[in-house]
Amino acid sequence: MELRSVEELMDLLHAGRGTRHTADGGGPVDVHDHALQTAALLRRSHPADKELQVAGLVHGIGRLLRPGDATAHAQLPPHLVGPLLGHRVSRLGRLHSAGRPDPYDADDALSLRQACDAGRAAGLHAGVLEDWRTVVELVAAQNSRLGAVD
C-alpha cells in the first residue's frame, strides 16, 4: 500500500478513532487521539518544523494497517508515507518506531519520541484532525515540487 493523496492519509488517520494500542494494553487514548496529541506537542515545541509535526501525526499509522499486531508500530513501511510526505517524514517515523538513533536527525527523533511518550494523556485536548489538513497539504506540496510525488 502507498498513500497517494492527502485525502487517503486523512481517511486512514480518521480510521484510528477507537483503535487502541495493543502493545500497552490499550492505554488511555486511541491511535487517533495519540496522533493528534503527539503532533500538537511537536507544534508547540517546534512551531516552524512542519515535517516534524506531520511525522508526529503519522508515526503510528502502522497500527491501523495491521490491527491487533503489537509490532506494527515498529514496522511503519517507508514506502507508505515517503512518496506523499517525503523522505524526512518517512525516515523520522521509521527511526522513532525502531528506536534507532540517527546522526542526522538525532535531535528530531528524540523530540518525536518525547512527544509520543507525552501524547498518551487522557483529557489532553489536541484539536481535531481537520486542523492538520493544511499542514499535511503544505508538506505534501513541498515534496511534490521536489519530485517526490507524481
N, C-alpha and C. Protein backbone atom coordinates (compact mmCIF):
# COMPACT_ATOMS: atom_id res chain seq x y z
N MET A 1 0.84 -1.18 0.00
CA MET A 1 0.00 0.00 0.00
C MET A 1 0.89 1.24 0.00
N GLU A 2 0.45 2.24 -0.72
CA GLU A 2 1.12 3.53 -0.77
C GLU A 2 0.05 4.61 -0.71
N LEU A 3 0.25 5.57 0.15
CA LEU A 3 -0.70 6.69 0.22
C LEU A 3 -0.41 7.63 -0.93
N ARG A 4 -1.41 7.88 -1.75
CA ARG A 4 -1.21 8.69 -2.96
C ARG A 4 -1.77 10.10 -2.84
N SER A 5 -2.53 10.35 -1.78
CA SER A 5 -3.12 11.69 -1.65
C SER A 5 -3.30 12.03 -0.17
N VAL A 6 -3.43 13.31 0.06
CA VAL A 6 -3.70 13.79 1.42
C VAL A 6 -5.04 13.23 1.88
N GLU A 7 -5.99 13.13 0.98
CA GLU A 7 -7.31 12.59 1.34
C GLU A 7 -7.21 11.15 1.84
N GLU A 8 -6.42 10.32 1.17
CA GLU A 8 -6.22 8.94 1.62
C GLU A 8 -5.58 8.90 3.01
N LEU A 9 -4.60 9.77 3.23
CA LEU A 9 -3.94 9.83 4.53
C LEU A 9 -4.93 10.26 5.61
N MET A 10 -5.71 11.28 5.34
CA MET A 10 -6.68 11.76 6.33
C MET A 10 -7.71 10.67 6.64
N ASP A 11 -8.15 9.93 5.63
CA ASP A 11 -9.09 8.83 5.86
C ASP A 11 -8.46 7.77 6.76
N LEU A 12 -7.20 7.44 6.51
CA LEU A 12 -6.51 6.46 7.33
C LEU A 12 -6.38 6.95 8.77
N LEU A 13 -6.02 8.21 8.94
CA LEU A 13 -5.91 8.76 10.29
C LEU A 13 -7.26 8.78 11.01
N HIS A 14 -8.32 9.09 10.28
CA HIS A 14 -9.67 9.05 10.87
C HIS A 14 -10.01 7.63 11.33
N ALA A 15 -9.51 6.64 10.62
CA ALA A 15 -9.79 5.24 10.97
C ALA A 15 -9.20 4.85 12.32
N GLY A 16 -8.28 5.66 12.83
CA GLY A 16 -7.68 5.37 14.13
C GLY A 16 -8.58 5.66 15.31
N ARG A 17 -9.69 6.32 15.06
CA ARG A 17 -10.62 6.62 16.15
C ARG A 17 -11.18 5.30 16.69
N GLY A 18 -10.96 5.08 17.98
CA GLY A 18 -11.45 3.86 18.62
C GLY A 18 -10.48 2.69 18.57
N THR A 19 -9.41 2.81 17.80
CA THR A 19 -8.40 1.74 17.72
C THR A 19 -7.39 1.95 18.84
N ARG A 20 -7.24 0.95 19.67
CA ARG A 20 -6.34 1.05 20.82
C ARG A 20 -4.99 0.45 20.51
N HIS A 21 -3.97 0.96 21.21
CA HIS A 21 -2.63 0.38 21.14
C HIS A 21 -2.68 -0.97 21.83
N THR A 22 -2.29 -2.02 21.14
CA THR A 22 -2.34 -3.35 21.73
C THR A 22 -1.11 -3.66 22.57
N ALA A 23 0.02 -3.06 22.26
CA ALA A 23 1.26 -3.37 22.96
C ALA A 23 1.23 -2.93 24.42
N ASP A 24 0.50 -1.85 24.72
CA ASP A 24 0.49 -1.35 26.09
C ASP A 24 -0.87 -1.52 26.76
N GLY A 25 -1.63 -2.49 26.28
CA GLY A 25 -2.92 -2.77 26.90
C GLY A 25 -4.01 -1.78 26.52
N GLY A 26 -3.79 -0.98 25.55
CA GLY A 26 -4.80 -0.06 25.09
C GLY A 26 -4.51 1.37 25.45
N GLY A 27 -3.97 1.59 26.61
CA GLY A 27 -3.63 2.95 27.02
C GLY A 27 -4.87 3.81 27.18
N PRO A 28 -4.67 5.04 27.65
CA PRO A 28 -5.81 5.92 27.90
C PRO A 28 -6.39 6.58 26.66
N VAL A 29 -5.67 6.57 25.54
CA VAL A 29 -6.17 7.21 24.32
C VAL A 29 -6.08 6.26 23.14
N ASP A 30 -6.91 6.51 22.14
CA ASP A 30 -6.85 5.68 20.94
C ASP A 30 -5.77 6.20 19.99
N VAL A 31 -5.54 5.48 18.89
CA VAL A 31 -4.49 5.84 17.93
C VAL A 31 -4.74 7.24 17.35
N HIS A 32 -5.99 7.55 17.09
CA HIS A 32 -6.38 8.85 16.54
C HIS A 32 -5.99 9.99 17.48
N ASP A 33 -6.40 9.90 18.74
CA ASP A 33 -6.08 10.95 19.71
C ASP A 33 -4.59 11.01 20.00
N HIS A 34 -3.93 9.86 20.03
CA HIS A 34 -2.48 9.84 20.26
C HIS A 34 -1.75 10.58 19.14
N ALA A 35 -2.19 10.38 17.90
CA ALA A 35 -1.58 11.08 16.76
C ALA A 35 -1.76 12.59 16.89
N LEU A 36 -2.97 13.02 17.25
CA LEU A 36 -3.24 14.45 17.41
C LEU A 36 -2.42 15.04 18.55
N GLN A 37 -2.34 14.32 19.66
CA GLN A 37 -1.59 14.83 20.81
C GLN A 37 -0.11 14.94 20.49
N THR A 38 0.44 13.92 19.85
CA THR A 38 1.86 13.95 19.50
C THR A 38 2.16 15.11 18.57
N ALA A 39 1.35 15.28 17.54
CA ALA A 39 1.56 16.38 16.59
C ALA A 39 1.40 17.74 17.27
N ALA A 40 0.41 17.88 18.14
CA ALA A 40 0.20 19.16 18.82
C ALA A 40 1.36 19.50 19.74
N LEU A 41 1.90 18.51 20.43
CA LEU A 41 3.06 18.76 21.30
C LEU A 41 4.27 19.19 20.46
N LEU A 42 4.44 18.58 19.30
CA LEU A 42 5.54 18.98 18.42
C LEU A 42 5.31 20.37 17.84
N ARG A 43 4.07 20.71 17.58
CA ARG A 43 3.76 22.06 17.09
C ARG A 43 4.15 23.11 18.13
N ARG A 44 3.91 22.79 19.40
CA ARG A 44 4.27 23.73 20.48
C ARG A 44 5.77 23.84 20.65
N SER A 45 6.47 22.72 20.56
CA SER A 45 7.92 22.74 20.83
C SER A 45 8.74 23.10 19.59
N HIS A 46 8.21 22.86 18.40
CA HIS A 46 8.92 23.13 17.14
C HIS A 46 7.95 23.77 16.15
N PRO A 47 7.50 25.01 16.40
CA PRO A 47 6.45 25.61 15.58
C PRO A 47 6.79 25.79 14.11
N ALA A 48 8.04 25.89 13.77
CA ALA A 48 8.42 26.10 12.37
C ALA A 48 8.69 24.81 11.60
N ASP A 49 8.76 23.69 12.29
CA ASP A 49 9.14 22.43 11.66
C ASP A 49 7.90 21.60 11.32
N LYS A 50 7.31 21.91 10.18
CA LYS A 50 6.07 21.24 9.75
C LYS A 50 6.29 19.76 9.48
N GLU A 51 7.45 19.40 8.93
CA GLU A 51 7.71 17.98 8.65
C GLU A 51 7.77 17.17 9.94
N LEU A 52 8.38 17.70 10.97
CA LEU A 52 8.44 17.01 12.26
C LEU A 52 7.04 16.86 12.85
N GLN A 53 6.24 17.90 12.75
CA GLN A 53 4.86 17.83 13.24
C GLN A 53 4.07 16.75 12.52
N VAL A 54 4.22 16.70 11.20
CA VAL A 54 3.50 15.69 10.41
C VAL A 54 4.03 14.29 10.73
N ALA A 55 5.33 14.17 10.97
CA ALA A 55 5.89 12.87 11.38
C ALA A 55 5.22 12.41 12.67
N GLY A 56 4.98 13.35 13.59
CA GLY A 56 4.27 13.00 14.82
C GLY A 56 2.84 12.58 14.56
N LEU A 57 2.22 13.20 13.58
CA LEU A 57 0.84 12.86 13.24
C LEU A 57 0.73 11.46 12.65
N VAL A 58 1.69 11.06 11.84
CA VAL A 58 1.58 9.79 11.10
C VAL A 58 2.38 8.64 11.70
N HIS A 59 3.13 8.89 12.76
CA HIS A 59 4.07 7.88 13.25
C HIS A 59 3.42 6.55 13.64
N GLY A 60 2.16 6.55 14.00
CA GLY A 60 1.52 5.33 14.47
C GLY A 60 0.59 4.65 13.49
N ILE A 61 0.60 5.06 12.22
CA ILE A 61 -0.39 4.50 11.30
C ILE A 61 -0.13 3.05 10.94
N GLY A 62 1.05 2.54 11.25
CA GLY A 62 1.30 1.11 11.03
C GLY A 62 0.31 0.25 11.79
N ARG A 63 -0.13 0.74 12.94
CA ARG A 63 -1.12 0.00 13.75
C ARG A 63 -2.47 -0.10 13.03
N LEU A 64 -2.78 0.90 12.23
CA LEU A 64 -4.06 0.89 11.53
C LEU A 64 -4.07 -0.07 10.36
N LEU A 65 -2.90 -0.33 9.81
CA LEU A 65 -2.81 -1.24 8.67
C LEU A 65 -2.85 -2.70 9.10
N ARG A 66 -2.38 -2.94 10.32
CA ARG A 66 -2.38 -4.31 10.86
C ARG A 66 -2.96 -4.30 12.27
N PRO A 67 -4.29 -4.15 12.40
CA PRO A 67 -4.90 -4.12 13.72
C PRO A 67 -4.59 -5.40 14.50
N GLY A 68 -4.29 -5.22 15.77
CA GLY A 68 -4.00 -6.37 16.62
C GLY A 68 -2.56 -6.81 16.59
N ASP A 69 -1.76 -6.27 15.68
CA ASP A 69 -0.35 -6.63 15.57
C ASP A 69 0.46 -5.68 16.45
N ALA A 70 0.97 -6.19 17.56
CA ALA A 70 1.71 -5.35 18.51
C ALA A 70 3.01 -4.83 17.92
N THR A 71 3.52 -5.45 16.87
CA THR A 71 4.77 -5.00 16.27
C THR A 71 4.56 -4.02 15.13
N ALA A 72 3.31 -3.72 14.79
CA ALA A 72 3.03 -2.86 13.63
C ALA A 72 3.62 -1.47 13.79
N HIS A 73 3.65 -0.96 15.01
CA HIS A 73 4.21 0.38 15.25
C HIS A 73 5.68 0.41 14.86
N ALA A 74 6.38 -0.68 15.09
CA ALA A 74 7.81 -0.74 14.78
C ALA A 74 8.07 -1.05 13.32
N GLN A 75 7.02 -1.26 12.56
CA GLN A 75 7.21 -1.65 11.17
C GLN A 75 6.49 -0.71 10.21
N LEU A 76 6.58 0.59 10.46
CA LEU A 76 5.98 1.56 9.56
C LEU A 76 6.72 1.47 8.22
N PRO A 77 6.04 1.02 7.19
CA PRO A 77 6.71 0.86 5.90
C PRO A 77 7.12 2.22 5.32
N PRO A 78 8.40 2.40 4.97
CA PRO A 78 8.85 3.70 4.45
C PRO A 78 8.14 4.10 3.17
N HIS A 79 7.73 3.13 2.38
CA HIS A 79 7.06 3.45 1.12
C HIS A 79 5.63 3.94 1.33
N LEU A 80 5.11 3.79 2.53
CA LEU A 80 3.73 4.19 2.79
C LEU A 80 3.56 5.70 2.76
N VAL A 81 4.38 6.45 3.49
CA VAL A 81 4.23 7.89 3.56
C VAL A 81 5.31 8.64 2.78
N GLY A 82 6.41 8.00 2.48
CA GLY A 82 7.53 8.65 1.80
C GLY A 82 7.15 9.33 0.49
N PRO A 83 6.47 8.64 -0.41
CA PRO A 83 6.14 9.28 -1.69
C PRO A 83 5.23 10.50 -1.55
N LEU A 84 4.39 10.51 -0.53
CA LEU A 84 3.48 11.63 -0.34
C LEU A 84 4.09 12.74 0.51
N LEU A 85 4.76 12.37 1.60
CA LEU A 85 5.22 13.36 2.57
C LEU A 85 6.72 13.57 2.59
N GLY A 86 7.44 12.78 1.83
CA GLY A 86 8.87 12.99 1.69
C GLY A 86 9.73 12.08 2.55
N HIS A 87 10.99 12.10 2.21
CA HIS A 87 11.97 11.21 2.84
C HIS A 87 12.13 11.50 4.33
N ARG A 88 12.18 12.76 4.72
CA ARG A 88 12.43 13.09 6.12
C ARG A 88 11.30 12.62 7.02
N VAL A 89 10.05 12.84 6.63
CA VAL A 89 8.91 12.39 7.44
C VAL A 89 8.94 10.87 7.56
N SER A 90 9.19 10.21 6.45
CA SER A 90 9.26 8.75 6.45
C SER A 90 10.39 8.26 7.35
N ARG A 91 11.56 8.87 7.22
CA ARG A 91 12.73 8.46 8.00
C ARG A 91 12.49 8.70 9.49
N LEU A 92 11.93 9.83 9.86
CA LEU A 92 11.67 10.10 11.27
C LEU A 92 10.68 9.09 11.86
N GLY A 93 9.65 8.77 11.13
CA GLY A 93 8.70 7.78 11.60
C GLY A 93 9.33 6.41 11.76
N ARG A 94 10.18 6.06 10.81
CA ARG A 94 10.85 4.76 10.85
C ARG A 94 11.85 4.72 12.01
N LEU A 95 12.62 5.77 12.20
CA LEU A 95 13.60 5.82 13.29
C LEU A 95 12.90 5.79 14.64
N HIS A 96 11.82 6.53 14.75
CA HIS A 96 11.08 6.54 16.01
C HIS A 96 10.55 5.15 16.32
N SER A 97 9.96 4.51 15.34
CA SER A 97 9.37 3.19 15.56
C SER A 97 10.42 2.15 15.93
N ALA A 98 11.57 2.23 15.28
CA ALA A 98 12.62 1.25 15.53
C ALA A 98 13.46 1.59 16.75
N GLY A 99 13.37 2.84 17.22
CA GLY A 99 14.14 3.26 18.38
C GLY A 99 15.63 3.37 18.12
N ARG A 100 15.99 3.58 16.85
CA ARG A 100 17.41 3.71 16.50
C ARG A 100 17.82 5.16 16.38
N PRO A 101 19.01 5.49 16.86
CA PRO A 101 19.50 6.85 16.67
C PRO A 101 19.93 7.09 15.24
N ASP A 102 19.91 8.34 14.84
CA ASP A 102 20.35 8.72 13.51
C ASP A 102 21.19 9.99 13.66
N PRO A 103 22.42 9.99 13.19
CA PRO A 103 23.26 11.17 13.41
C PRO A 103 22.73 12.44 12.76
N TYR A 104 21.94 12.31 11.71
CA TYR A 104 21.42 13.49 11.02
C TYR A 104 20.17 14.05 11.68
N ASP A 105 19.37 13.19 12.26
CA ASP A 105 18.09 13.62 12.85
C ASP A 105 17.99 13.21 14.31
N ALA A 106 19.10 13.10 15.01
CA ALA A 106 19.08 12.64 16.41
C ALA A 106 18.19 13.52 17.28
N ASP A 107 18.34 14.84 17.17
CA ASP A 107 17.53 15.74 17.99
C ASP A 107 16.05 15.65 17.64
N ASP A 108 15.76 15.58 16.35
CA ASP A 108 14.37 15.50 15.92
C ASP A 108 13.75 14.16 16.31
N ALA A 109 14.50 13.08 16.19
CA ALA A 109 14.00 11.77 16.58
C ALA A 109 13.72 11.74 18.09
N LEU A 110 14.59 12.38 18.87
CA LEU A 110 14.37 12.46 20.31
C LEU A 110 13.13 13.29 20.62
N SER A 111 12.96 14.41 19.93
CA SER A 111 11.76 15.24 20.12
C SER A 111 10.50 14.46 19.79
N LEU A 112 10.54 13.70 18.71
CA LEU A 112 9.39 12.88 18.33
C LEU A 112 9.10 11.83 19.40
N ARG A 113 10.12 11.18 19.89
CA ARG A 113 9.93 10.16 20.93
C ARG A 113 9.34 10.78 22.20
N GLN A 114 9.85 11.93 22.62
CA GLN A 114 9.35 12.59 23.82
C GLN A 114 7.89 13.02 23.65
N ALA A 115 7.56 13.56 22.48
CA ALA A 115 6.17 13.96 22.22
C ALA A 115 5.26 12.74 22.18
N CYS A 116 5.76 11.66 21.61
CA CYS A 116 4.98 10.41 21.56
C CYS A 116 4.69 9.91 22.97
N ASP A 117 5.71 9.91 23.81
CA ASP A 117 5.52 9.45 25.19
C ASP A 117 4.55 10.35 25.95
N ALA A 118 4.65 11.65 25.75
CA ALA A 118 3.78 12.60 26.45
C ALA A 118 2.38 12.63 25.85
N GLY A 119 2.24 12.19 24.61
CA GLY A 119 0.97 12.25 23.91
C GLY A 119 0.06 11.06 24.16
N ARG A 120 0.09 10.54 25.34
CA ARG A 120 -0.79 9.42 25.71
C ARG A 120 -1.66 9.78 26.90
N ALA A 121 -1.89 11.07 27.09
CA ALA A 121 -2.62 11.53 28.27
C ALA A 121 -4.11 11.67 27.98
N ALA A 122 -4.90 11.04 28.82
CA ALA A 122 -6.34 11.20 28.72
C ALA A 122 -6.69 12.63 29.08
N GLY A 123 -7.59 13.22 28.32
CA GLY A 123 -8.05 14.57 28.63
C GLY A 123 -7.21 15.69 28.04
N LEU A 124 -6.13 15.37 27.34
CA LEU A 124 -5.32 16.40 26.70
C LEU A 124 -5.98 16.75 25.37
N HIS A 125 -6.64 17.90 25.32
CA HIS A 125 -7.34 18.28 24.09
C HIS A 125 -6.32 18.78 23.07
N ALA A 126 -6.28 18.13 21.94
CA ALA A 126 -5.30 18.47 20.92
C ALA A 126 -5.96 18.90 19.61
N GLY A 127 -7.19 19.32 19.67
CA GLY A 127 -7.88 19.76 18.46
C GLY A 127 -8.49 18.60 17.70
N VAL A 128 -8.76 18.86 16.43
CA VAL A 128 -9.37 17.86 15.57
C VAL A 128 -8.47 17.61 14.37
N LEU A 129 -8.64 16.47 13.76
CA LEU A 129 -7.79 16.08 12.64
C LEU A 129 -7.85 17.07 11.49
N GLU A 130 -9.01 17.62 11.22
CA GLU A 130 -9.14 18.57 10.10
C GLU A 130 -8.25 19.78 10.27
N ASP A 131 -7.90 20.12 11.52
CA ASP A 131 -6.98 21.23 11.76
C ASP A 131 -5.62 20.99 11.12
N TRP A 132 -5.28 19.73 10.88
CA TRP A 132 -3.97 19.37 10.35
C TRP A 132 -3.94 19.25 8.83
N ARG A 133 -5.09 19.32 8.19
CA ARG A 133 -5.14 19.12 6.74
C ARG A 133 -4.22 20.11 6.00
N THR A 134 -4.26 21.37 6.34
CA THR A 134 -3.45 22.37 5.66
C THR A 134 -1.96 22.10 5.83
N VAL A 135 -1.55 21.72 7.04
CA VAL A 135 -0.14 21.42 7.29
C VAL A 135 0.29 20.22 6.46
N VAL A 136 -0.53 19.18 6.45
CA VAL A 136 -0.21 17.98 5.66
C VAL A 136 -0.15 18.33 4.18
N GLU A 137 -1.09 19.15 3.71
CA GLU A 137 -1.08 19.57 2.30
C GLU A 137 0.18 20.36 1.97
N LEU A 138 0.62 21.24 2.89
CA LEU A 138 1.85 22.00 2.66
C LEU A 138 3.07 21.09 2.54
N VAL A 139 3.17 20.13 3.43
CA VAL A 139 4.31 19.20 3.39
C VAL A 139 4.25 18.35 2.12
N ALA A 140 3.06 17.88 1.77
CA ALA A 140 2.92 17.09 0.55
C ALA A 140 3.25 17.93 -0.69
N ALA A 141 2.80 19.17 -0.72
CA ALA A 141 3.08 20.04 -1.87
C ALA A 141 4.58 20.33 -1.98
N GLN A 142 5.22 20.54 -0.86
CA GLN A 142 6.66 20.79 -0.87
C GLN A 142 7.40 19.59 -1.46
N ASN A 143 6.99 18.41 -1.10
CA ASN A 143 7.66 17.21 -1.61
C ASN A 143 7.26 16.93 -3.05
N SER A 144 6.10 17.36 -3.45
CA SER A 144 5.68 17.21 -4.83
C SER A 144 6.56 18.08 -5.75
N ARG A 145 6.84 19.31 -5.30
CA ARG A 145 7.70 20.19 -6.07
C ARG A 145 9.10 19.64 -6.19
N LEU A 146 9.51 18.86 -5.18
CA LEU A 146 10.85 18.28 -5.21
C LEU A 146 10.90 17.01 -6.03
N GLY A 147 9.76 16.62 -6.58
CA GLY A 147 9.73 15.43 -7.42
C GLY A 147 9.44 14.16 -6.65
N ALA A 148 9.02 14.27 -5.39
CA ALA A 148 8.77 13.09 -4.59
C ALA A 148 7.41 12.49 -4.86
N VAL A 149 6.49 13.27 -5.44
CA VAL A 149 5.14 12.81 -5.69
C VAL A 149 4.82 13.08 -7.15
N ASP A 150 4.15 12.13 -7.78
CA ASP A 150 3.73 12.33 -9.18
C ASP A 150 2.57 13.29 -9.24
